[in-house]
Amino acid sequence: MKRILLIPVRACGDSHAFLFYKLYFHIIVTLRSIYYIIYIIISNTNEVSFSEEISTVFI
């Protein structure tokens, strides 16, 4: 995963690659928020360690 992230950063001198990197970052943030929402729905059935696990997701 880290290797995939570093490829657009190396080519950051090109404006097209920089736009691609911004789009890539936006997709990651969107997927992460979707995962967060799904995780809340799943955790509603089991709320004992809910806050602890949410804090580890965002670290």
Protein backbone atom coordinates (compact mmCIF):
# COMPACT_ATOMS: atom_id res chain seq x y z
CA MET A 1 0.00 0.00 0.00
CA LYS A 2 2.78 2.44 0.84
CA ARG A 3 4.55 1.65 -2.43
CA ILE A 4 1.40 2.52 -4.40
CA LEU A 5 1.13 5.82 -2.51
CA LEU A 6 4.74 6.81 -3.23
CA ILE A 7 4.55 6.39 -7.02
CA PRO A 8 2.50 9.58 -7.70
CA VAL A 9 4.58 11.55 -5.17
CA ARG A 10 7.82 10.91 -7.08
CA ALA A 11 6.27 12.24 -10.29
CA CYS A 12 4.90 15.30 -8.51
CA GLY A 13 6.85 17.70 -10.78
CA ASP A 14 4.36 16.97 -13.54
CA SER A 15 1.08 18.82 -12.97
CA HIS A 16 -0.92 15.92 -14.42
CA ALA A 17 0.65 13.51 -11.93
CA PHE A 18 -0.08 15.98 -9.12
CA LEU A 19 -3.76 16.12 -10.13
CA PHE A 20 -3.80 12.33 -10.22
CA TYR A 21 -2.33 12.25 -6.73
CA LYS A 22 -5.01 14.65 -5.42
CA LEU A 23 -7.73 12.49 -7.00
CA TYR A 24 -6.13 9.34 -5.57
CA PHE A 25 -6.00 10.88 -2.09
CA HIS A 26 -9.64 11.97 -2.38
CA ILE A 27 -10.68 8.42 -3.31
CA ILE A 28 -8.82 7.02 -0.28
CA VAL A 29 -10.50 9.52 2.07
CA THR A 30 -13.92 8.72 0.58
CA LEU A 31 -13.42 4.97 0.94
CA ARG A 32 -12.24 5.50 4.50
CA SER A 33 -15.36 7.48 5.41
CA ILE A 34 -17.57 4.82 3.79
CA TYR A 35 -15.75 2.17 5.82
CA TYR A 36 -16.31 4.30 8.94
CA ILE A 37 -20.06 4.51 8.30
CA ILE A 38 -20.32 0.76 7.66
CA TYR A 39 -18.29 0.13 10.80
CA ILE A 40 -20.72 2.24 12.86
CA ILE A 41 -23.67 0.26 11.49
CA ILE A 42 -21.96 -3.04 12.33
CA SER A 43 -20.92 -1.83 15.77
CA ASN A 44 -24.46 -0.82 16.73
CA THR A 45 -25.07 -4.48 17.48
CA ASN A 46 -22.02 -4.65 19.75
CA GLU A 47 -21.37 -1.34 21.53
CA VAL A 48 -19.04 -2.56 24.28
CA SER A 49 -15.67 -1.78 22.67
CA PHE A 50 -17.12 0.60 20.08
CA SER A 51 -15.26 3.80 21.03
CA GLU A 52 -11.90 2.04 21.47
CA GLU A 53 -12.01 0.42 18.05
CA ILE A 54 -13.12 3.63 16.33
CA SER A 55 -10.14 5.47 17.82
CA THR A 56 -7.74 2.84 16.46
CA VAL A 57 -9.27 3.16 12.97
CA PHE A 58 -8.39 6.86 12.79
CA ILE A 59 -4.85 6.70 14.20
